[in-house]
């Protein structure tokens, strides 16, 4: 009987010990993303790129709390798949971000769903990709908060060597963005 309590205590400690807290984001990372967004197209106003960058980091922090994120990502996936967490799989992130930004006013930007290893259960990965309005998906920026457990990863689509991204134009997203 004591073994079961010990196992439960150990599991509780492990789950609690892996919780991700929202760390404050350095202004240099916000500026770095704004620079990348601004470089998508010469007509993009710097102010709009900076506002979008701030909004991306703010929404990532909000979702990190909402999803009760744990680290590493594969462990959080285990918690979601076993029903111990409600949300936080990569497609939950991409869907929530996509829906959030479609509701916002960023006239010089477009938002897309991206996927890699589509249809491969253990390896599929989904992200948000930001492009200039009417820009090509391949020239966009990957927005991926799942990869580093709530710490925002971003890079140009072609420079993200970990995945080979494809535009998921026909993928339906969840209706409520959560």
N, C-alpha and C. Protein backbone atom coordinates (compact mmCIF):
# COMPACT_ATOMS: atom_id res chain seq x y z
N UNK A 1 0.82 -1.19 0.00
CA UNK A 1 0.00 0.00 0.00
C UNK A 1 0.87 1.25 0.00
N UNK A 2 1.95 1.26 0.76
CA UNK A 2 2.84 2.40 0.79
C UNK A 2 3.50 2.62 -0.56
N UNK A 3 3.70 1.55 -1.33
CA UNK A 3 4.31 1.68 -2.65
C UNK A 3 3.42 2.52 -3.56
N UNK A 4 2.11 2.30 -3.50
CA UNK A 4 1.19 3.06 -4.35
C UNK A 4 1.20 4.54 -4.00
N UNK A 5 1.23 4.86 -2.71
CA UNK A 5 1.31 6.26 -2.30
C UNK A 5 2.61 6.89 -2.76
N UNK A 6 3.69 6.13 -2.62
CA UNK A 6 4.99 6.63 -3.06
C UNK A 6 4.99 6.90 -4.56
N UNK A 7 4.40 5.99 -5.35
CA UNK A 7 4.33 6.18 -6.80
C UNK A 7 3.50 7.41 -7.14
N UNK A 8 2.37 7.57 -6.46
CA UNK A 8 1.51 8.73 -6.71
C UNK A 8 2.23 10.02 -6.34
N UNK A 9 2.93 10.01 -5.20
CA UNK A 9 3.68 11.17 -4.78
C UNK A 9 4.79 11.50 -5.77
N UNK A 10 5.49 10.48 -6.22
CA UNK A 10 6.56 10.66 -7.19
C UNK A 10 6.02 11.22 -8.51
N UNK A 11 4.91 10.66 -8.98
CA UNK A 11 4.29 11.15 -10.21
C UNK A 11 3.85 12.60 -10.04
N UNK A 12 3.24 12.94 -8.91
CA UNK A 12 2.79 14.31 -8.66
C UNK A 12 3.97 15.27 -8.66
N UNK A 13 5.06 14.87 -8.01
CA UNK A 13 6.26 15.70 -7.99
C UNK A 13 6.81 15.90 -9.39
N UNK A 14 6.83 14.81 -10.18
CA UNK A 14 7.37 14.88 -11.54
C UNK A 14 6.53 15.82 -12.40
N UNK A 15 5.21 15.68 -12.31
CA UNK A 15 4.33 16.54 -13.12
C UNK A 15 4.45 17.99 -12.67
N UNK A 16 4.42 18.23 -11.36
CA UNK A 16 4.52 19.60 -10.87
C UNK A 16 5.91 20.18 -11.16
N UNK A 17 6.92 19.34 -11.08
CA UNK A 17 8.28 19.80 -11.32
C UNK A 17 8.53 20.18 -12.76
N UNK A 18 7.67 19.72 -13.65
CA UNK A 18 7.86 20.00 -15.07
C UNK A 18 7.00 21.15 -15.55
N UNK A 19 6.27 21.78 -14.64
CA UNK A 19 5.40 22.87 -15.06
C UNK A 19 6.23 24.01 -15.62
N UNK A 20 5.69 24.63 -16.65
CA UNK A 20 6.36 25.75 -17.29
C UNK A 20 5.73 27.03 -16.76
N UNK A 21 6.56 27.93 -16.30
CA UNK A 21 6.05 29.22 -15.86
C UNK A 21 6.32 30.24 -16.96
N UNK A 22 5.47 31.22 -17.02
CA UNK A 22 5.65 32.26 -18.04
C UNK A 22 6.80 33.17 -17.63
N UNK A 23 7.88 33.03 -18.31
CA UNK A 23 9.01 33.90 -18.05
C UNK A 23 8.82 35.18 -18.85
N UNK A 24 9.34 36.26 -18.31
CA UNK A 24 9.24 37.50 -19.07
C UNK A 24 10.12 37.38 -20.32
N UNK A 25 9.64 37.93 -21.39
CA UNK A 25 10.34 37.85 -22.66
C UNK A 25 11.28 39.03 -22.78
N UNK A 26 12.48 38.76 -23.21
CA UNK A 26 13.44 39.85 -23.38
C UNK A 26 13.02 40.71 -24.57
N UNK A 27 13.23 41.99 -24.42
CA UNK A 27 12.89 42.92 -25.49
C UNK A 27 13.72 42.65 -26.75
N UNK A 28 14.89 42.06 -26.57
CA UNK A 28 15.72 41.76 -27.75
C UNK A 28 15.06 40.68 -28.61
N UNK A 29 14.37 39.72 -27.98
CA UNK A 29 13.67 38.69 -28.77
C UNK A 29 12.46 39.29 -29.48
N UNK A 30 11.75 40.18 -28.81
CA UNK A 30 10.61 40.86 -29.43
C UNK A 30 11.10 41.66 -30.63
N UNK A 31 12.20 42.39 -30.44
CA UNK A 31 12.76 43.19 -31.54
C UNK A 31 13.29 42.31 -32.67
N UNK A 32 13.87 41.18 -32.31
CA UNK A 32 14.39 40.26 -33.34
C UNK A 32 13.25 39.73 -34.21
N UNK A 33 12.15 39.32 -33.58
CA UNK A 33 11.00 38.86 -34.37
C UNK A 33 10.43 40.00 -35.20
N UNK A 34 10.31 41.18 -34.62
CA UNK A 34 9.79 42.34 -35.36
C UNK A 34 10.66 42.63 -36.58
N UNK A 35 11.98 42.53 -36.41
CA UNK A 35 12.90 42.73 -37.54
C UNK A 35 12.63 41.70 -38.64
N UNK A 36 12.46 40.44 -38.25
CA UNK A 36 12.18 39.37 -39.23
C UNK A 36 10.85 39.62 -39.94
N UNK A 37 9.85 40.02 -39.18
CA UNK A 37 8.54 40.31 -39.77
C UNK A 37 8.62 41.49 -40.73
N UNK A 38 9.33 42.52 -40.33
CA UNK A 38 9.48 43.72 -41.15
C UNK A 38 10.22 43.42 -42.45
N UNK A 39 11.14 42.45 -42.40
CA UNK A 39 11.95 42.10 -43.57
C UNK A 39 11.18 41.26 -44.59
N UNK A 40 9.97 40.83 -44.26
CA UNK A 40 9.19 40.03 -45.20
C UNK A 40 8.85 40.81 -46.47
N UNK A 41 8.67 42.11 -46.32
CA UNK A 41 8.26 42.95 -47.46
C UNK A 41 8.65 44.39 -47.12
N UNK A 42 9.20 45.10 -48.09
CA UNK A 42 9.69 46.46 -47.84
C UNK A 42 8.57 47.45 -47.48
N UNK A 43 7.33 47.15 -47.86
CA UNK A 43 6.23 48.08 -47.58
C UNK A 43 5.61 47.90 -46.18
N UNK A 44 6.08 46.94 -45.42
CA UNK A 44 5.52 46.71 -44.08
C UNK A 44 6.02 47.79 -43.13
N UNK A 45 5.10 48.50 -42.49
CA UNK A 45 5.51 49.51 -41.52
C UNK A 45 6.18 48.86 -40.29
N UNK A 46 7.26 49.43 -39.83
CA UNK A 46 7.97 48.91 -38.66
C UNK A 46 7.07 48.84 -37.43
N UNK A 47 6.21 49.83 -37.29
CA UNK A 47 5.30 49.87 -36.14
C UNK A 47 4.35 48.67 -36.15
N UNK A 48 3.85 48.31 -37.32
CA UNK A 48 2.95 47.15 -37.41
C UNK A 48 3.70 45.85 -37.12
N UNK A 49 4.92 45.74 -37.62
CA UNK A 49 5.73 44.54 -37.36
C UNK A 49 6.02 44.41 -35.87
N UNK A 50 6.33 45.51 -35.21
CA UNK A 50 6.59 45.48 -33.77
C UNK A 50 5.33 45.11 -32.99
N UNK A 51 4.20 45.66 -33.39
CA UNK A 51 2.94 45.34 -32.70
C UNK A 51 2.61 43.85 -32.86
N UNK A 52 2.79 43.32 -34.05
CA UNK A 52 2.53 41.89 -34.28
C UNK A 52 3.49 41.04 -33.45
N UNK A 53 4.74 41.40 -33.40
CA UNK A 53 5.71 40.66 -32.60
C UNK A 53 5.29 40.63 -31.13
N UNK A 54 4.94 41.78 -30.60
CA UNK A 54 4.48 41.85 -29.20
C UNK A 54 3.25 40.97 -28.99
N UNK A 55 2.33 41.04 -29.93
CA UNK A 55 1.09 40.27 -29.84
C UNK A 55 1.38 38.75 -29.88
N UNK A 56 2.31 38.34 -30.71
CA UNK A 56 2.67 36.91 -30.79
C UNK A 56 3.23 36.43 -29.46
N UNK A 57 4.14 37.20 -28.88
CA UNK A 57 4.72 36.81 -27.58
C UNK A 57 3.66 36.84 -26.48
N UNK A 58 2.79 37.84 -26.51
CA UNK A 58 1.73 37.95 -25.49
C UNK A 58 0.76 36.78 -25.59
N UNK A 59 0.35 36.43 -26.80
CA UNK A 59 -0.59 35.31 -26.97
C UNK A 59 0.07 33.98 -26.61
N UNK A 60 1.35 33.83 -26.91
CA UNK A 60 2.08 32.62 -26.52
C UNK A 60 2.09 32.48 -25.00
N UNK A 61 2.35 33.55 -24.28
CA UNK A 61 2.36 33.51 -22.82
C UNK A 61 0.98 33.16 -22.28
N UNK A 62 -0.05 33.74 -22.87
CA UNK A 62 -1.43 33.45 -22.45
C UNK A 62 -1.76 31.97 -22.65
N UNK A 63 -1.41 31.43 -23.81
CA UNK A 63 -1.70 30.03 -24.09
C UNK A 63 -0.87 29.08 -23.21
N UNK A 64 0.35 29.48 -22.88
CA UNK A 64 1.19 28.68 -21.99
C UNK A 64 0.48 28.47 -20.65
N UNK A 65 -0.11 29.52 -20.12
CA UNK A 65 -0.88 29.42 -18.87
C UNK A 65 -2.16 28.63 -19.08
N UNK A 66 -2.87 28.95 -20.15
CA UNK A 66 -4.16 28.30 -20.42
C UNK A 66 -4.01 26.79 -20.60
N UNK A 67 -2.96 26.37 -21.27
CA UNK A 67 -2.73 24.95 -21.52
C UNK A 67 -2.08 24.25 -20.33
N UNK A 68 -1.74 25.01 -19.27
CA UNK A 68 -1.05 24.45 -18.09
C UNK A 68 0.15 23.63 -18.55
N UNK A 69 0.96 24.29 -19.34
CA UNK A 69 2.04 23.62 -20.04
C UNK A 69 3.09 23.00 -19.12
N UNK A 70 3.54 21.83 -19.50
CA UNK A 70 4.64 21.15 -18.84
C UNK A 70 5.74 20.91 -19.86
N UNK A 71 6.90 20.55 -19.36
CA UNK A 71 8.04 20.34 -20.24
C UNK A 71 8.64 18.98 -19.93
N UNK A 72 9.17 18.31 -20.91
CA UNK A 72 9.33 18.64 -22.32
C UNK A 72 8.02 18.43 -23.09
N UNK A 73 7.97 18.88 -24.36
CA UNK A 73 6.74 18.81 -25.14
C UNK A 73 6.16 17.39 -25.25
N UNK A 74 7.02 16.40 -25.42
CA UNK A 74 6.50 15.03 -25.55
C UNK A 74 5.80 14.60 -24.28
N UNK A 75 6.25 15.07 -23.10
CA UNK A 75 5.59 14.71 -21.84
C UNK A 75 4.24 15.41 -21.76
N UNK A 76 4.19 16.66 -22.20
CA UNK A 76 2.90 17.36 -22.21
C UNK A 76 1.93 16.65 -23.15
N UNK A 77 2.42 16.18 -24.30
CA UNK A 77 1.57 15.41 -25.21
C UNK A 77 1.01 14.17 -24.52
N UNK A 78 1.86 13.49 -23.74
CA UNK A 78 1.42 12.32 -22.98
C UNK A 78 0.29 12.71 -22.03
N UNK A 79 0.44 13.84 -21.32
CA UNK A 79 -0.60 14.28 -20.39
C UNK A 79 -1.91 14.58 -21.12
N UNK A 80 -1.82 15.20 -22.29
CA UNK A 80 -3.03 15.49 -23.07
C UNK A 80 -3.66 14.19 -23.57
N UNK A 81 -2.85 13.31 -24.11
CA UNK A 81 -3.37 12.06 -24.68
C UNK A 81 -3.95 11.12 -23.63
N UNK A 82 -3.54 11.27 -22.37
CA UNK A 82 -4.10 10.44 -21.30
C UNK A 82 -5.22 11.16 -20.55
N UNK A 83 -5.54 12.37 -20.96
CA UNK A 83 -6.63 13.11 -20.35
C UNK A 83 -6.27 13.91 -19.10
N UNK A 84 -4.98 13.99 -18.76
CA UNK A 84 -4.57 14.75 -17.58
C UNK A 84 -4.41 16.24 -17.87
N UNK A 85 -4.32 16.60 -19.12
CA UNK A 85 -4.34 17.98 -19.58
C UNK A 85 -5.34 18.04 -20.73
N UNK A 86 -5.98 19.20 -20.87
CA UNK A 86 -6.99 19.33 -21.92
C UNK A 86 -6.40 19.72 -23.27
N UNK A 87 -5.44 20.62 -23.26
CA UNK A 87 -4.89 21.17 -24.51
C UNK A 87 -3.38 21.28 -24.42
N UNK A 88 -2.77 21.53 -25.59
CA UNK A 88 -1.34 21.79 -25.64
C UNK A 88 -0.59 21.00 -26.68
N UNK A 89 -1.31 20.19 -27.48
CA UNK A 89 -0.64 19.53 -28.61
C UNK A 89 -0.29 20.60 -29.63
N UNK A 90 0.62 20.30 -30.53
CA UNK A 90 1.08 21.33 -31.46
C UNK A 90 -0.06 21.94 -32.28
N UNK A 91 -1.03 21.12 -32.67
CA UNK A 91 -2.12 21.69 -33.46
C UNK A 91 -3.04 22.56 -32.62
N UNK A 92 -3.10 22.34 -31.30
CA UNK A 92 -3.86 23.25 -30.45
C UNK A 92 -3.23 24.65 -30.49
N UNK A 93 -1.89 24.67 -30.44
CA UNK A 93 -1.17 25.94 -30.52
C UNK A 93 -1.42 26.62 -31.85
N UNK A 94 -1.19 25.89 -32.95
CA UNK A 94 -1.31 26.52 -34.27
C UNK A 94 -2.74 26.99 -34.52
N UNK A 95 -3.73 26.18 -34.13
CA UNK A 95 -5.13 26.58 -34.31
C UNK A 95 -5.47 27.83 -33.51
N UNK A 96 -5.08 27.83 -32.24
CA UNK A 96 -5.41 28.97 -31.37
C UNK A 96 -4.74 30.25 -31.88
N UNK A 97 -3.49 30.15 -32.27
CA UNK A 97 -2.79 31.33 -32.79
C UNK A 97 -3.42 31.80 -34.10
N UNK A 98 -3.71 30.86 -34.98
CA UNK A 98 -4.31 31.18 -36.28
C UNK A 98 -5.63 31.93 -36.10
N UNK A 99 -6.51 31.38 -35.28
CA UNK A 99 -7.81 32.01 -35.04
C UNK A 99 -7.65 33.37 -34.38
N UNK A 100 -6.74 33.47 -33.42
CA UNK A 100 -6.49 34.74 -32.74
C UNK A 100 -6.08 35.82 -33.74
N UNK A 101 -5.13 35.48 -34.62
CA UNK A 101 -4.61 36.51 -35.53
C UNK A 101 -5.54 36.79 -36.70
N UNK A 102 -6.40 35.88 -37.05
CA UNK A 102 -7.40 36.18 -38.08
C UNK A 102 -8.38 37.24 -37.59
N UNK A 103 -8.59 37.30 -36.29
CA UNK A 103 -9.52 38.26 -35.70
C UNK A 103 -8.89 39.65 -35.51
N UNK A 104 -7.59 39.74 -35.64
CA UNK A 104 -6.87 40.99 -35.43
C UNK A 104 -6.73 41.75 -36.74
N UNK A 105 -6.32 42.99 -36.63
CA UNK A 105 -6.12 43.82 -37.81
C UNK A 105 -4.63 44.05 -38.05
N UNK A 106 -4.09 43.26 -38.94
CA UNK A 106 -2.71 43.42 -39.38
C UNK A 106 -2.74 43.45 -40.91
N UNK A 107 -2.99 44.62 -41.49
CA UNK A 107 -3.24 44.71 -42.93
C UNK A 107 -2.08 44.30 -43.83
N UNK A 108 -0.86 44.30 -43.32
CA UNK A 108 0.29 43.95 -44.16
C UNK A 108 0.75 42.51 -44.00
N UNK A 109 0.00 41.72 -43.20
CA UNK A 109 0.40 40.34 -42.94
C UNK A 109 -0.73 39.36 -43.24
N UNK A 110 -0.34 38.12 -43.50
CA UNK A 110 -1.29 37.01 -43.68
C UNK A 110 -0.83 35.87 -42.78
N UNK A 111 -1.79 35.05 -42.36
CA UNK A 111 -1.53 33.97 -41.42
C UNK A 111 -1.95 32.64 -42.05
N UNK A 112 -1.09 31.64 -41.88
CA UNK A 112 -1.30 30.34 -42.52
C UNK A 112 -0.99 29.22 -41.54
N UNK A 113 -1.61 28.08 -41.78
CA UNK A 113 -1.26 26.87 -41.04
C UNK A 113 -0.20 26.12 -41.82
N UNK A 114 0.82 25.66 -41.11
CA UNK A 114 1.87 24.87 -41.72
C UNK A 114 1.96 23.51 -41.04
N UNK A 115 2.40 22.50 -41.79
CA UNK A 115 2.56 21.18 -41.22
C UNK A 115 3.78 20.48 -41.79
N UNK A 116 4.33 19.59 -40.99
CA UNK A 116 5.45 18.74 -41.42
C UNK A 116 5.11 17.31 -41.05
N UNK A 117 5.58 16.38 -41.86
CA UNK A 117 5.32 14.95 -41.62
C UNK A 117 3.83 14.68 -41.47
N UNK A 118 3.04 15.31 -42.31
CA UNK A 118 1.58 15.23 -42.22
C UNK A 118 1.12 13.78 -42.38
N UNK A 119 0.29 13.37 -41.42
CA UNK A 119 -0.27 12.02 -41.44
C UNK A 119 0.56 10.98 -40.70
N UNK A 120 1.76 11.35 -40.28
CA UNK A 120 2.61 10.42 -39.51
C UNK A 120 2.34 10.67 -38.03
N UNK A 121 1.60 9.78 -37.39
CA UNK A 121 1.06 10.00 -36.05
C UNK A 121 2.10 10.51 -35.05
N UNK A 122 3.24 9.88 -34.94
CA UNK A 122 4.23 10.25 -33.94
C UNK A 122 5.11 11.43 -34.36
N UNK A 123 5.07 11.81 -35.63
CA UNK A 123 6.02 12.81 -36.11
C UNK A 123 5.39 14.05 -36.72
N UNK A 124 4.08 14.05 -36.91
CA UNK A 124 3.43 15.23 -37.48
C UNK A 124 3.62 16.42 -36.55
N UNK A 125 3.83 17.57 -37.15
CA UNK A 125 3.99 18.79 -36.37
C UNK A 125 3.30 19.93 -37.11
N UNK A 126 2.65 20.83 -36.35
CA UNK A 126 1.88 21.93 -36.92
C UNK A 126 2.31 23.25 -36.31
N UNK A 127 2.28 24.29 -37.13
CA UNK A 127 2.71 25.63 -36.70
C UNK A 127 1.87 26.69 -37.39
N UNK A 128 2.04 27.90 -36.92
CA UNK A 128 1.53 29.08 -37.60
C UNK A 128 2.66 29.63 -38.46
N UNK A 129 2.34 30.07 -39.66
CA UNK A 129 3.34 30.73 -40.51
C UNK A 129 2.79 32.11 -40.87
N UNK A 130 3.62 33.12 -40.65
CA UNK A 130 3.25 34.50 -40.97
C UNK A 130 3.98 34.89 -42.24
N UNK A 131 3.22 35.46 -43.18
CA UNK A 131 3.80 35.96 -44.43
C UNK A 131 3.39 37.42 -44.60
N UNK A 132 4.05 38.08 -45.53
CA UNK A 132 3.56 39.39 -45.95
C UNK A 132 2.23 39.15 -46.67
N UNK A 133 1.36 40.13 -46.65
CA UNK A 133 0.08 40.00 -47.37
C UNK A 133 0.39 39.63 -48.82
N UNK A 134 -0.23 38.58 -49.32
CA UNK A 134 -0.01 38.04 -50.66
C UNK A 134 1.39 37.47 -50.86
N UNK A 135 2.11 37.25 -49.76
CA UNK A 135 3.44 36.67 -49.83
C UNK A 135 3.37 35.15 -49.95
N UNK A 136 4.45 34.55 -50.35
CA UNK A 136 4.51 33.10 -50.50
C UNK A 136 4.78 32.43 -49.16
N UNK A 137 4.14 31.29 -48.95
CA UNK A 137 4.30 30.51 -47.73
C UNK A 137 5.78 30.21 -47.47
N UNK A 138 6.49 29.83 -48.50
CA UNK A 138 7.90 29.44 -48.37
C UNK A 138 8.80 30.58 -47.89
N UNK A 139 8.31 31.81 -48.02
CA UNK A 139 9.09 32.97 -47.58
C UNK A 139 8.63 33.50 -46.23
N UNK A 140 7.71 32.76 -45.60
CA UNK A 140 7.15 33.19 -44.33
C UNK A 140 8.03 32.85 -43.13
N UNK A 141 7.48 33.15 -41.97
CA UNK A 141 8.17 32.92 -40.69
C UNK A 141 7.37 31.90 -39.88
N UNK A 142 8.04 30.85 -39.45
CA UNK A 142 7.46 29.82 -38.59
C UNK A 142 7.31 30.38 -37.18
N UNK A 143 6.12 30.24 -36.62
CA UNK A 143 5.84 30.62 -35.24
C UNK A 143 5.48 29.32 -34.51
N UNK A 144 6.37 28.88 -33.60
CA UNK A 144 6.22 27.56 -32.98
C UNK A 144 6.49 27.60 -31.48
N UNK A 145 5.44 27.83 -30.67
CA UNK A 145 5.64 27.82 -29.22
C UNK A 145 5.68 26.41 -28.62
N UNK A 146 5.21 25.41 -29.34
CA UNK A 146 5.18 24.03 -28.82
C UNK A 146 6.58 23.46 -28.68
N UNK A 147 7.41 23.67 -29.67
CA UNK A 147 8.72 23.02 -29.78
C UNK A 147 9.57 23.15 -28.52
N UNK A 148 9.55 24.32 -27.90
CA UNK A 148 10.37 24.57 -26.72
C UNK A 148 9.52 24.81 -25.48
N UNK A 149 8.37 24.13 -25.41
CA UNK A 149 7.49 24.17 -24.23
C UNK A 149 7.10 25.58 -23.81
N UNK A 150 6.57 26.34 -24.75
CA UNK A 150 6.08 27.67 -24.44
C UNK A 150 7.07 28.80 -24.70
N UNK A 151 8.34 28.46 -24.88
CA UNK A 151 9.31 29.48 -25.28
C UNK A 151 9.22 29.57 -26.79
N UNK A 152 8.91 30.74 -27.28
CA UNK A 152 8.62 30.91 -28.70
C UNK A 152 9.83 30.65 -29.58
N UNK A 153 9.67 29.70 -30.50
CA UNK A 153 10.66 29.46 -31.54
C UNK A 153 10.14 30.14 -32.80
N UNK A 154 11.01 30.85 -33.51
CA UNK A 154 10.63 31.42 -34.79
C UNK A 154 11.84 31.42 -35.71
N UNK A 155 11.56 31.21 -36.99
CA UNK A 155 12.60 31.27 -38.02
C UNK A 155 11.92 31.36 -39.36
N UNK A 156 12.70 31.69 -40.36
CA UNK A 156 12.16 31.65 -41.72
C UNK A 156 11.86 30.20 -42.06
N UNK A 157 10.82 29.99 -42.84
CA UNK A 157 10.40 28.64 -43.20
C UNK A 157 11.57 27.84 -43.76
N UNK A 158 12.30 28.42 -44.70
CA UNK A 158 13.40 27.69 -45.35
C UNK A 158 14.61 27.49 -44.46
N UNK A 159 14.73 28.26 -43.39
CA UNK A 159 15.88 28.13 -42.49
C UNK A 159 15.62 27.17 -41.33
N UNK A 160 14.39 26.69 -41.21
CA UNK A 160 14.05 25.74 -40.15
C UNK A 160 14.41 24.34 -40.64
N UNK A 161 15.62 23.93 -40.35
CA UNK A 161 16.13 22.65 -40.89
C UNK A 161 15.59 21.43 -40.17
N UNK A 162 14.92 21.63 -39.03
CA UNK A 162 14.38 20.48 -38.29
C UNK A 162 13.16 19.90 -39.00
N UNK A 163 12.42 20.71 -39.73
CA UNK A 163 11.19 20.27 -40.39
C UNK A 163 11.15 20.78 -41.83
N UNK A 164 10.42 20.05 -42.64
CA UNK A 164 10.14 20.45 -44.01
C UNK A 164 8.66 20.86 -44.05
N UNK A 165 8.43 22.16 -44.02
CA UNK A 165 7.07 22.67 -43.87
C UNK A 165 6.29 22.68 -45.17
N UNK A 166 4.99 22.38 -45.03
CA UNK A 166 4.04 22.46 -46.15
C UNK A 166 2.86 23.31 -45.72
N UNK A 167 2.34 24.06 -46.68
CA UNK A 167 1.17 24.88 -46.43
C UNK A 167 -0.05 23.98 -46.28
N UNK A 168 -0.80 24.17 -45.21
CA UNK A 168 -1.99 23.35 -44.96
C UNK A 168 -3.24 24.20 -45.23
N UNK A 169 -3.44 24.53 -46.49
CA UNK A 169 -4.55 25.41 -46.87
C UNK A 169 -5.91 24.82 -46.56
N UNK A 170 -6.07 23.54 -46.69
CA UNK A 170 -7.38 22.92 -46.56
C UNK A 170 -7.64 22.29 -45.20
N UNK A 171 -6.78 22.52 -44.24
CA UNK A 171 -6.98 21.95 -42.92
C UNK A 171 -7.99 22.79 -42.15
N UNK A 172 -9.01 22.14 -41.64
CA UNK A 172 -10.00 22.85 -40.84
C UNK A 172 -9.46 22.98 -39.43
N UNK A 173 -9.67 24.14 -38.86
CA UNK A 173 -9.22 24.36 -37.49
C UNK A 173 -10.42 24.27 -36.55
N UNK A 174 -10.11 24.10 -35.27
CA UNK A 174 -11.19 24.04 -34.29
C UNK A 174 -11.97 25.35 -34.33
N UNK A 175 -13.23 25.29 -34.03
CA UNK A 175 -14.09 26.43 -34.18
C UNK A 175 -13.91 27.51 -33.11
N UNK A 176 -13.53 27.10 -31.89
CA UNK A 176 -13.44 28.10 -30.83
C UNK A 176 -12.01 28.53 -30.53
N UNK A 177 -11.05 28.02 -31.25
CA UNK A 177 -9.68 28.46 -31.07
C UNK A 177 -9.02 27.99 -29.81
N UNK A 178 -9.59 26.97 -29.17
CA UNK A 178 -8.98 26.48 -27.92
C UNK A 178 -8.72 25.01 -28.01
